[in-house]
Amino acid sequence: MSERRFFVLCQETCRTCKGSGLVPNPQWNERTLEADESIDPDHWAYAAGLTLARHMGPEEIPCADCEGEGIHQYPIPLEEALAEIGR
Protein backbone atom coordinates (compact mmCIF):
# COMPACT_ATOMS: atom_id res chain seq x y z
CA MET A 1 0.00 0.00 0.00
CA SER A 2 1.26 3.49 -0.80
CA GLU A 3 2.19 5.94 1.92
CA ARG A 4 -0.48 8.57 2.53
CA ARG A 5 -0.01 11.99 4.13
CA PHE A 6 -2.78 14.28 5.26
CA PHE A 7 -2.72 18.06 5.09
CA VAL A 8 -4.86 20.82 6.54
CA LEU A 9 -5.31 24.32 5.22
CA CYS A 10 -3.60 26.96 7.34
CA GLN A 11 -4.97 30.49 7.12
CA GLU A 12 -3.10 33.54 8.39
CA THR A 13 -3.80 37.26 8.32
CA CYS A 14 -1.53 39.03 5.85
CA ARG A 15 1.24 40.80 7.74
CA THR A 16 1.73 43.42 5.03
CA CYS A 17 -1.83 44.81 4.95
CA LYS A 18 -2.85 43.49 8.41
CA GLY A 19 -5.90 41.81 6.89
CA SER A 20 -7.42 44.81 5.13
CA GLY A 21 -6.35 43.71 1.64
CA LEU A 22 -5.20 47.27 0.90
CA VAL A 23 -1.92 49.15 1.16
CA PRO A 24 -1.09 52.81 0.53
CA ASN A 25 -0.54 53.65 -3.13
CA PRO A 26 3.22 54.35 -3.35
CA GLN A 27 2.60 57.45 -5.46
CA TRP A 28 0.30 58.95 -2.85
CA ASN A 29 2.44 57.82 0.05
CA GLU A 30 5.56 59.35 -1.49
CA ARG A 31 3.78 62.65 -2.13
CA THR A 32 2.15 62.89 1.29
CA LEU A 33 5.48 62.28 3.00
CA GLU A 34 7.03 65.09 0.96
CA ALA A 35 4.17 67.55 1.37
CA ASP A 36 2.68 69.42 4.25
CA GLU A 37 -0.68 67.74 4.90
CA SER A 38 -2.41 71.13 4.88
CA ILE A 39 -1.49 71.56 1.20
CA ASP A 40 -4.19 70.75 -1.33
CA PRO A 41 -3.40 67.34 -2.93
CA ASP A 42 -4.03 68.83 -6.37
CA HIS A 43 -1.19 71.28 -5.70
CA TRP A 44 1.43 68.55 -5.21
CA ALA A 45 -0.06 66.45 -7.99
CA TYR A 46 0.46 69.42 -10.31
CA ALA A 47 4.05 69.74 -9.05
CA ALA A 48 4.53 66.04 -9.92
CA GLY A 49 3.50 66.75 -13.51
CA LEU A 50 -0.13 65.62 -13.18
CA THR A 51 -3.19 67.74 -13.74
CA LEU A 52 -5.13 66.54 -10.68
CA ALA A 53 -4.46 64.29 -7.70
CA ARG A 54 -7.08 61.82 -8.94
CA HIS A 55 -4.79 61.07 -11.91
CA MET A 56 -2.45 59.38 -9.43
CA GLY A 57 -5.04 56.68 -8.86
CA PRO A 58 -6.64 55.67 -5.57
CA GLU A 59 -4.96 56.41 -2.25
CA GLU A 60 -4.96 52.68 -1.46
CA ILE A 61 -4.34 49.76 -3.79
CA PRO A 62 -4.73 45.97 -3.40
CA CYS A 63 -1.94 44.35 -1.39
CA ALA A 64 0.46 42.54 -3.70
CA ASP A 65 1.45 39.99 -1.03
CA CYS A 66 -2.07 38.61 -0.52
CA GLU A 67 -3.54 39.80 -3.82
CA GLY A 68 -6.08 41.92 -1.95
CA GLU A 69 -7.51 38.99 0.01
CA GLY A 70 -6.15 40.02 3.43
CA ILE A 71 -5.14 36.42 4.17
CA HIS A 72 -2.64 33.78 3.15
CA GLN A 73 -3.73 30.15 2.87
CA TYR A 74 -1.44 27.20 2.44
CA PRO A 75 -1.43 23.49 3.22
CA ILE A 76 0.61 22.14 6.15
CA PRO A 77 1.04 18.52 7.24
CA LEU A 78 -1.60 17.38 9.72
CA GLU A 79 1.10 16.31 12.22
CA GLU A 80 2.54 19.84 12.19
CA ALA A 81 -0.89 21.41 12.75
CA LEU A 82 -1.67 19.05 15.66
CA ALA A 83 1.74 19.75 17.24
CA GLU A 84 1.12 23.51 17.03
CA ILE A 85 -2.38 23.17 18.47
CA GLY A 86 -1.00 21.08 21.36
CA ARG A 87 1.50 23.74 22.44
PDB file of N, CA and C in Angstrom:
ATOM      1  N   MET A   1       0.834  -1.169   0.000  1.00  0.00           N
ATOM      2  CA  MET A   1       0.000   0.000   0.000  1.00  0.00           C
ATOM      3  C   MET A   1       0.893   1.252   0.000  1.00  0.00           C
ATOM      4  N   SER A   2       0.463   2.265  -0.708  1.00  0.00           N
ATOM      5  CA  SER A   2       1.262   3.488  -0.797  1.00  0.00           C
ATOM      6  C   SER A   2       1.136   4.319   0.481  1.00  0.00           C
ATOM      7  N   GLU A   3       2.177   5.071   0.739  1.00  0.00           N
ATOM      8  CA  GLU A   3       2.192   5.937   1.917  1.00  0.00           C
ATOM      9  C   GLU A   3       1.278   7.145   1.673  1.00  0.00           C
ATOM     10  N   ARG A   4       0.434   7.433   2.661  1.00  0.00           N
ATOM     11  CA  ARG A   4      -0.479   8.568   2.532  1.00  0.00           C
ATOM     12  C   ARG A   4      -0.135   9.609   3.590  1.00  0.00           C
ATOM     13  N   ARG A   5      -0.208  10.877   3.194  1.00  0.00           N
ATOM     14  CA  ARG A   5      -0.010  11.989   4.134  1.00  0.00           C
ATOM     15  C   ARG A   5      -1.240  12.871   4.069  1.00  0.00           C
ATOM     16  N   PHE A   6      -1.613  13.408   5.196  1.00  0.00           N
ATOM     17  CA  PHE A   6      -2.775  14.278   5.264  1.00  0.00           C
ATOM     18  C   PHE A   6      -2.328  15.708   5.547  1.00  0.00           C
ATOM     19  N   PHE A   7      -3.027  16.644   4.944  1.00  0.00           N
ATOM     20  CA  PHE A   7      -2.719  18.057   5.091  1.00  0.00           C
ATOM     21  C   PHE A   7      -3.972  18.813   5.511  1.00  0.00           C
ATOM     22  N   VAL A   8      -3.765  19.909   6.196  1.00  0.00           N
ATOM     23  CA  VAL A   8      -4.861  20.816   6.538  1.00  0.00           C
ATOM     24  C   VAL A   8      -4.508  22.185   5.955  1.00  0.00           C
ATOM     25  N   LEU A   9      -5.513  22.999   5.791  1.00  0.00           N
ATOM     26  CA  LEU A   9      -5.307  24.320   5.224  1.00  0.00           C
ATOM     27  C   LEU A   9      -5.082  25.310   6.359  1.00  0.00           C
ATOM     28  N   CYS A  10      -3.937  25.954   6.339  1.00  0.00           N
ATOM     29  CA  CYS A  10      -3.596  26.964   7.336  1.00  0.00           C
ATOM     30  C   CYS A  10      -3.952  28.335   6.755  1.00  0.00           C
ATOM     31  N   GLN A  11      -4.594  29.155   7.557  1.00  0.00           N
ATOM     32  CA  GLN A  11      -4.974  30.491   7.118  1.00  0.00           C
ATOM     33  C   GLN A  11      -4.407  31.510   8.094  1.00  0.00           C
ATOM     34  N   GLU A  12      -3.691  32.490   7.570  1.00  0.00           N
ATOM     35  CA  GLU A  12      -3.100  33.537   8.394  1.00  0.00           C
ATOM     36  C   GLU A  12      -3.472  34.903   7.844  1.00  0.00           C
ATOM     37  N   THR A  13      -3.581  35.878   8.725  1.00  0.00           N
ATOM     38  CA  THR A  13      -3.804  37.256   8.316  1.00  0.00           C
ATOM     39  C   THR A  13      -2.532  37.766   7.651  1.00  0.00           C
ATOM     40  N   CYS A  14      -2.683  38.476   6.551  1.00  0.00           N
ATOM     41  CA  CYS A  14      -1.531  39.030   5.846  1.00  0.00           C
ATOM     42  C   CYS A  14      -0.828  40.043   6.741  1.00  0.00           C
ATOM     43  N   ARG A  15       0.463  39.889   6.894  1.00  0.00           N
ATOM     44  CA  ARG A  15       1.243  40.802   7.740  1.00  0.00           C
ATOM     45  C   ARG A  15       1.481  42.149   7.065  1.00  0.00           C
ATOM     46  N   THR A  16       1.460  42.175   5.752  1.00  0.00           N
ATOM     47  CA  THR A  16       1.728  43.421   5.030  1.00  0.00           C
ATOM     48  C   THR A  16       0.563  44.399   5.172  1.00  0.00           C
ATOM     49  N   CYS A  17      -0.654  43.924   4.920  1.00  0.00           N
ATOM     50  CA  CYS A  17      -1.834  44.808   4.955  1.00  0.00           C
ATOM     51  C   CYS A  17      -2.626  44.653   6.249  1.00  0.00           C
ATOM     52  N   LYS A  18      -2.184  43.756   7.133  1.00  0.00           N
ATOM     53  CA  LYS A  18      -2.852  43.487   8.408  1.00  0.00           C
ATOM     54  C   LYS A  18      -4.308  43.072   8.226  1.00  0.00           C
ATOM     55  N   GLY A  19      -4.576  42.372   7.119  1.00  0.00           N
ATOM     56  CA  GLY A  19      -5.897  41.809   6.887  1.00  0.00           C
ATOM     57  C   GLY A  19      -6.870  42.687   6.122  1.00  0.00           C
ATOM     58  N   SER A  20      -6.491  43.916   5.833  1.00  0.00           N
ATOM     59  CA  SER A  20      -7.420  44.815   5.132  1.00  0.00           C
ATOM     60  C   SER A  20      -7.473  44.533   3.633  1.00  0.00           C
ATOM     61  N   GLY A  21      -6.416  43.958   3.080  1.00  0.00           N
ATOM     62  CA  GLY A  21      -6.345  43.708   1.642  1.00  0.00           C
ATOM     63  C   GLY A  21      -5.864  44.917   0.854  1.00  0.00           C
ATOM     64  N   LEU A  22      -5.629  46.038   1.562  1.00  0.00           N
ATOM     65  CA  LEU A  22      -5.204  47.270   0.897  1.00  0.00           C
ATOM     66  C   LEU A  22      -3.927  47.817   1.527  1.00  0.00           C
ATOM     67  N   VAL A  23      -3.129  48.462   0.704  1.00  0.00           N
ATOM     68  CA  VAL A  23      -1.919  49.148   1.157  1.00  0.00           C
ATOM     69  C   VAL A  23      -1.902  50.542   0.529  1.00  0.00           C
ATOM     70  N   PRO A  24      -1.155  51.482   1.121  1.00  0.00           N
ATOM     71  CA  PRO A  24      -1.087  52.815   0.527  1.00  0.00           C
ATOM     72  C   PRO A  24      -0.498  52.758  -0.882  1.00  0.00           C
ATOM     73  N   ASN A  25      -1.080  53.512  -1.780  1.00  0.00           N
ATOM     74  CA  ASN A  25      -0.542  53.648  -3.128  1.00  0.00           C
ATOM     75  C   ASN A  25       0.811  54.342  -3.003  1.00  0.00           C
ATOM     76  N   PRO A  26       1.897  53.748  -3.503  1.00  0.00           N
ATOM     77  CA  PRO A  26       3.223  54.350  -3.353  1.00  0.00           C
ATOM     78  C   PRO A  26       3.299  55.781  -3.883  1.00  0.00           C
ATOM     79  N   GLN A  27       2.575  56.086  -4.937  1.00  0.00           N
ATOM     80  CA  GLN A  27       2.601  57.454  -5.456  1.00  0.00           C
ATOM     81  C   GLN A  27       2.030  58.432  -4.436  1.00  0.00           C
ATOM     82  N   TRP A  28       0.907  58.073  -3.842  1.00  0.00           N
ATOM     83  CA  TRP A  28       0.301  58.950  -2.848  1.00  0.00           C
ATOM     84  C   TRP A  28       1.177  59.014  -1.615  1.00  0.00           C
ATOM     85  N   ASN A  29       1.643  57.873  -1.159  1.00  0.00           N
ATOM     86  CA  ASN A  29       2.440  57.817   0.048  1.00  0.00           C
ATOM     87  C   ASN A  29       3.693  58.679  -0.095  1.00  0.00           C
ATOM     88  N   GLU A  30       4.353  58.569  -1.223  1.00  0.00           N
ATOM     89  CA  GLU A  30       5.556  59.347  -1.494  1.00  0.00           C
ATOM     90  C   GLU A  30       5.248  60.843  -1.455  1.00  0.00           C
ATOM     91  N   ARG A  31       4.147  61.234  -2.073  1.00  0.00           N
ATOM     92  CA  ARG A  31       3.782  62.649  -2.130  1.00  0.00           C
ATOM     93  C   ARG A  31       3.356  63.186  -0.771  1.00  0.00           C
ATOM     94  N   THR A  32       2.605  62.390  -0.002  1.00  0.00           N
ATOM     95  CA  THR A  32       2.148  62.894   1.290  1.00  0.00           C
ATOM     96  C   THR A  32       3.305  63.017   2.268  1.00  0.00           C
ATOM     97  N   LEU A  33       4.307  62.162   2.132  1.00  0.00           N
ATOM     98  CA  LEU A  33       5.479  62.282   3.000  1.00  0.00           C
ATOM     99  C   LEU A  33       6.276  63.539   2.664  1.00  0.00           C
ATOM    100  N   GLU A  34       6.290  63.912   1.397  1.00  0.00           N
ATOM    101  CA  GLU A  34       7.033  65.092   0.959  1.00  0.00           C
ATOM    102  C   GLU A  34       6.286  66.385   1.260  1.00  0.00           C
ATOM    103  N   ALA A  35       4.969  66.330   1.271  1.00  0.00           N
ATOM    104  CA  ALA A  35       4.166  67.546   1.366  1.00  0.00           C
ATOM    105  C   ALA A  35       3.636  67.773   2.769  1.00  0.00           C
ATOM    106  N   ASP A  36       3.380  69.030   3.045  1.00  0.00           N
ATOM    107  CA  ASP A  36       2.678  69.424   4.254  1.00  0.00           C
ATOM    108  C   ASP A  36       1.232  68.971   4.074  1.00  0.00           C
ATOM    109  N   GLU A  37       0.661  68.288   5.059  1.00  0.00           N
ATOM    110  CA  GLU A  37      -0.682  67.740   4.902  1.00  0.00           C
ATOM    111  C   GLU A  37      -1.748  68.811   4.727  1.00  0.00           C
ATOM    112  N   SER A  38      -1.427  70.066   5.049  1.00  0.00           N
ATOM    113  CA  SER A  38      -2.408  71.133   4.876  1.00  0.00           C
ATOM    114  C   SER A  38      -2.473  71.611   3.425  1.00  0.00           C
ATOM    115  N   ILE A  39      -1.516  71.160   2.607  1.00  0.00           N
ATOM    116  CA  ILE A  39      -1.495  71.562   1.201  1.00  0.00           C
ATOM    117  C   ILE A  39      -2.516  70.738   0.421  1.00  0.00           C
ATOM    118  N   ASP A  40      -3.209  71.403  -0.472  1.00  0.00           N
ATOM    119  CA  ASP A  40      -4.190  70.749  -1.332  1.00  0.00           C
ATOM    120  C   ASP A  40      -3.496  69.663  -2.154  1.00  0.00           C
ATOM    121  N   PRO A  41      -4.029  68.420  -2.158  1.00  0.00           N
ATOM    122  CA  PRO A  41      -3.403  67.338  -2.930  1.00  0.00           C
ATOM    123  C   PRO A  41      -3.243  67.672  -4.414  1.00  0.00           C
ATOM    124  N   ASP A  42      -4.152  68.451  -4.965  1.00  0.00           N
ATOM    125  CA  ASP A  42      -4.028  68.834  -6.373  1.00  0.00           C
ATOM    126  C   ASP A  42      -2.792  69.699  -6.606  1.00  0.00           C
ATOM    127  N   HIS A  43      -2.383  70.440  -5.576  1.00  0.00           N
ATOM    128  CA  HIS A  43      -1.186  71.284  -5.702  1.00  0.00           C
ATOM    129  C   HIS A  43       0.064  70.427  -5.894  1.00  0.00           C
ATOM    130  N   TRP A  44       0.231  69.382  -5.045  1.00  0.00           N
ATOM    131  CA  TRP A  44       1.429  68.553  -5.206  1.00  0.00           C
ATOM    132  C   TRP A  44       1.308  67.599  -6.365  1.00  0.00           C
ATOM    133  N   ALA A  45       0.097  67.261  -6.774  1.00  0.00           N
ATOM    134  CA  ALA A  45      -0.064  66.450  -7.991  1.00  0.00           C
ATOM    135  C   ALA A  45       0.399  67.255  -9.199  1.00  0.00           C
ATOM    136  N   TYR A  46       0.034  68.538  -9.211  1.00  0.00           N
ATOM    137  CA  TYR A  46       0.459  69.417 -10.309  1.00  0.00           C
ATOM    138  C   TYR A  46       1.987  69.532 -10.316  1.00  0.00           C
ATOM    139  N   ALA A  47       2.587  69.650  -9.147  1.00  0.00           N
ATOM    140  CA  ALA A  47       4.053  69.738  -9.046  1.00  0.00           C
ATOM    141  C   ALA A  47       4.713  68.450  -9.541  1.00  0.00           C
ATOM    142  N   ALA A  48       3.993  67.312  -9.443  1.00  0.00           N
ATOM    143  CA  ALA A  48       4.528  66.036  -9.916  1.00  0.00           C
ATOM    144  C   ALA A  48       4.293  65.833 -11.403  1.00  0.00           C
ATOM    145  N   GLY A  49       3.704  66.843 -12.070  1.00  0.00           N
ATOM    146  CA  GLY A  49       3.495  66.750 -13.508  1.00  0.00           C
ATOM    147  C   GLY A  49       2.132  66.203 -13.888  1.00  0.00           C
ATOM    148  N   LEU A  50       1.228  66.115 -12.918  1.00  0.00           N
ATOM    149  CA  LEU A  50      -0.126  65.622 -13.180  1.00  0.00           C
ATOM    150  C   LEU A  50      -1.107  66.784 -13.078  1.00  0.00           C
ATOM    151  N   THR A  51      -2.201  66.671 -13.771  1.00  0.00           N
ATOM    152  CA  THR A  51      -3.189  67.735 -13.740  1.00  0.00           C
ATOM    153  C   THR A  51      -3.912  67.777 -12.404  1.00  0.00           C
ATOM    154  N   LEU A  52      -4.390  66.615 -11.933  1.00  0.00           N
ATOM    155  CA  LEU A  52      -5.129  66.540 -10.679  1.00  0.00           C
ATOM    156  C   LEU A  52      -4.658  65.337  -9.862  1.00  0.00           C
ATOM    157  N   ALA A  53      -4.868  65.392  -8.569  1.00  0.00           N
ATOM    158  CA  ALA A  53      -4.459  64.289  -7.695  1.00  0.00           C
ATOM    159  C   ALA A  53      -5.142  62.981  -8.090  1.00  0.00           C
ATOM    160  N   ARG A  54      -6.374  63.053  -8.587  1.00  0.00           N
ATOM    161  CA  ARG A  54      -7.081  61.820  -8.938  1.00  0.00           C
ATOM    162  C   ARG A  54      -6.397  61.072 -10.078  1.00  0.00           C
ATOM    163  N   HIS A  55      -5.518  61.745 -10.841  1.00  0.00           N
ATOM    164  CA  HIS A  55      -4.786  61.070 -11.911  1.00  0.00           C
ATOM    165  C   HIS A  55      -3.694  60.154 -11.351  1.00  0.00           C
ATOM    166  N   MET A  56      -3.433  60.259 -10.067  1.00  0.00           N
ATOM    167  CA  MET A  56      -2.449  59.383  -9.426  1.00  0.00           C
ATOM    168  C   MET A  56      -3.070  58.056  -9.046  1.00  0.00           C
ATOM    169  N   GLY A  57      -4.358  57.915  -9.228  1.00  0.00           N
ATOM    170  CA  GLY A  57      -5.040  56.682  -8.860  1.00  0.00           C
ATOM    171  C   GLY A  57      -5.544  56.757  -7.436  1.00  0.00           C
ATOM    172  N   PRO A  58      -6.088  55.665  -6.930  1.00  0.00           N
ATOM    173  CA  PRO A  58      -6.640  55.666  -5.573  1.00  0.00           C
ATOM    174  C   PRO A  58      -5.545  55.798  -4.522  1.00  0.00           C
ATOM    175  N   GLU A  59      -5.933  56.258  -3.338  1.00  0.00           N
ATOM    176  CA  GLU A  59      -4.963  56.410  -2.249  1.00  0.00           C
ATOM    177  C   GLU A  59      -4.487  55.055  -1.735  1.00  0.00           C
ATOM    178  N   GLU A  60      -5.344  54.028  -1.859  1.00  0.00           N
ATOM    179  CA  GLU A  60      -4.964  52.678  -1.458  1.00  0.00           C
ATOM    180  C   GLU A  60      -5.160  51.732  -2.638  1.00  0.00           C
ATOM    181  N   ILE A  61      -4.280  50.742  -2.715  1.00  0.00           N
ATOM    182  CA  ILE A  61      -4.340  49.758  -3.794  1.00  0.00           C
ATOM    183  C   ILE A  61      -4.332  48.352  -3.180  1.00  0.00           C
ATOM    184  N   PRO A  62      -4.760  47.331  -3.935  1.00  0.00           N
ATOM    185  CA  PRO A  62      -4.731  45.973  -3.396  1.00  0.00           C
ATOM    186  C   PRO A  62      -3.308  45.549  -3.000  1.00  0.00           C
ATOM    187  N   CYS A  63      -3.217  44.862  -1.897  1.00  0.00           N
ATOM    188  CA  CYS A  63      -1.941  44.354  -1.394  1.00  0.00           C
ATOM    189  C   CYS A  63      -1.396  43.307  -2.363  1.00  0.00           C
ATOM    190  N   ALA A  64      -0.156  43.476  -2.768  1.00  0.00           N
ATOM    191  CA  ALA A  64       0.465  42.539  -3.702  1.00  0.00           C
ATOM    192  C   ALA A  64       0.800  41.201  -3.030  1.00  0.00           C
ATOM    193  N   ASP A  65       1.074  41.228  -1.719  1.00  0.00           N
ATOM    194  CA  ASP A  65       1.452  39.994  -1.030  1.00  0.00           C
ATOM    195  C   ASP A  65       0.303  38.999  -0.927  1.00  0.00           C
ATOM    196  N   CYS A  66      -0.911  39.506  -0.675  1.00  0.00           N
ATOM    197  CA  CYS A  66      -2.070  38.605  -0.517  1.00  0.00           C
ATOM    198  C   CYS A  66      -3.060  38.766  -1.661  1.00  0.00           C
ATOM    199  N   GLU A  67      -2.688  39.536  -2.661  1.00  0.00           N
ATOM    200  CA  GLU A  67      -3.538  39.800  -3.824  1.00  0.00           C
ATOM    201  C   GLU A  67      -4.889  40.383  -3.418  1.00  0.00           C
ATOM    202  N   GLY A  68      -4.875  41.233  -2.391  1.00  0.00           N
ATOM    203  CA  GLY A  68      -6.076  41.924  -1.952  1.00  0.00           C
ATOM    204  C   GLY A  68      -7.026  41.097  -1.113  1.00  0.00           C
ATOM    205  N   GLU A  69      -6.632  39.871  -0.758  1.00  0.00           N
ATOM    206  CA  GLU A  69      -7.512  38.990   0.012  1.00  0.00           C
ATOM    207  C   GLU A  69      -7.437  39.244   1.523  1.00  0.00           C
ATOM    208  N   GLY A  70      -6.324  39.781   1.995  1.00  0.00           N
ATOM    209  CA  GLY A  70      -6.152  40.015   3.428  1.00  0.00           C
ATOM    210  C   GLY A  70      -5.677  38.808   4.198  1.00  0.00           C
ATOM    211  N   ILE A  71      -5.576  37.666   3.517  1.00  0.00           N
ATOM    212  CA  ILE A  71      -5.144  36.424   4.174  1.00  0.00           C
ATOM    213  C   ILE A  71      -4.199  35.646   3.259  1.00  0.00           C
ATOM    214  N   HIS A  72      -3.462  34.754   3.874  1.00  0.00           N
ATOM    215  CA  HIS A  72      -2.644  33.778   3.147  1.00  0.00           C
ATOM    216  C   HIS A  72      -3.157  32.405   3.552  1.00  0.00           C
ATOM    217  N   GLN A  73      -3.319  31.529   2.588  1.00  0.00           N
ATOM    218  CA  GLN A  73      -3.732  30.154   2.868  1.00  0.00           C
ATOM    219  C   GLN A  73      -2.733  29.205   2.223  1.00  0.00           C
ATOM    220  N   TYR A  74      -2.368  28.193   2.972  1.00  0.00           N
ATOM    221  CA  TYR A  74      -1.442  27.199   2.439  1.00  0.00           C
ATOM    222  C   TYR A  74      -1.595  25.884   3.212  1.00  0.00           C
ATOM    223  N   PRO A  75      -1.313  24.776   2.549  1.00  0.00           N
ATOM    224  CA  PRO A  75      -1.428  23.488   3.223  1.00  0.00           C
ATOM    225  C   PRO A  75      -0.215  23.222   4.119  1.00  0.00           C
ATOM    226  N   ILE A  76      -0.481  22.607   5.273  1.00  0.00           N
ATOM    227  CA  ILE A  76       0.605  22.138   6.145  1.00  0.00           C
ATOM    228  C   ILE A  76       0.273  20.701   6.552  1.00  0.00           C
ATOM    229  N   PRO A  77       1.297  19.899   6.833  1.00  0.00           N
ATOM    230  CA  PRO A  77       1.044  18.517   7.244  1.00  0.00           C
ATOM    231  C   PRO A  77       0.193  18.480   8.520  1.00  0.00           C
ATOM    232  N   LEU A  78      -0.704  17.529   8.581  1.00  0.00           N
ATOM    233  CA  LEU A  78      -1.602  17.383   9.721  1.00  0.00           C
ATOM    234  C   LEU A  78      -0.807  17.253  11.024  1.00  0.00           C
ATOM    235  N   GLU A  79       0.281  16.492  11.006  1.00  0.00           N
ATOM    236  CA  GLU A  79       1.097  16.315  12.219  1.00  0.00           C
ATOM    237  C   GLU A  79       1.602  17.669  12.728  1.00  0.00           C
ATOM    238  N   GLU A  80       2.033  18.522  11.816  1.00  0.00           N
ATOM    239  CA  GLU A  80       2.545  19.838  12.190  1.00  0.00           C
ATOM    240  C   GLU A  80       1.428  20.691  12.807  1.00  0.00           C
ATOM    241  N   ALA A  81       0.245  20.650  12.221  1.00  0.00           N
ATOM    242  CA  ALA A  81      -0.887  21.406  12.746  1.00  0.00           C
ATOM    243  C   ALA A  81      -1.268  20.914  14.143  1.00  0.00           C
ATOM    244  N   LEU A  82      -1.311  19.609  14.332  1.00  0.00           N
ATOM    245  CA  LEU A  82      -1.667  19.053  15.657  1.00  0.00           C
ATOM    246  C   LEU A  82      -0.614  19.414  16.696  1.00  0.00           C
ATOM    247  N   ALA A  83       0.669  19.394  16.298  1.00  0.00           N
ATOM    248  CA  ALA A  83       1.736  19.753  17.242  1.00  0.00           C
ATOM    249  C   ALA A  83       1.601  21.222  17.657  1.00  0.00           C
ATOM    250  N   GLU A  84       1.264  22.089  16.720  1.00  0.00           N
ATOM    251  CA  GLU A  84       1.116  23.510  17.027  1.00  0.00           C
ATOM    252  C   GLU A  84      -0.094  23.746  17.925  1.00  0.00           C
ATOM    253  N   ILE A  85      -1.181  23.039  17.663  1.00  0.00           N
ATOM    254  CA  ILE A  85      -2.383  23.174  18.473  1.00  0.00           C
ATOM    255  C   ILE A  85      -2.109  22.689  19.914  1.00  0.00           C
ATOM    256  N   GLY A  86      -1.295  21.665  20.048  1.00  0.00           N
ATOM    257  CA  GLY A  86      -1.000  21.083  21.357  1.00  0.00           C
ATOM    258  C   GLY A  86      -0.043  21.904  22.200  1.00  0.00           C
ATOM    259  N   ARG A  87       0.536  22.936  21.653  1.00  0.00           N
ATOM    260  CA  ARG A  87       1.498  23.742  22.444  1.00  0.00           C
ATOM    261  C   ARG A  87       0.820  24.549  23.492  1.00  0.00           C
TER     262      ARG A  87
END
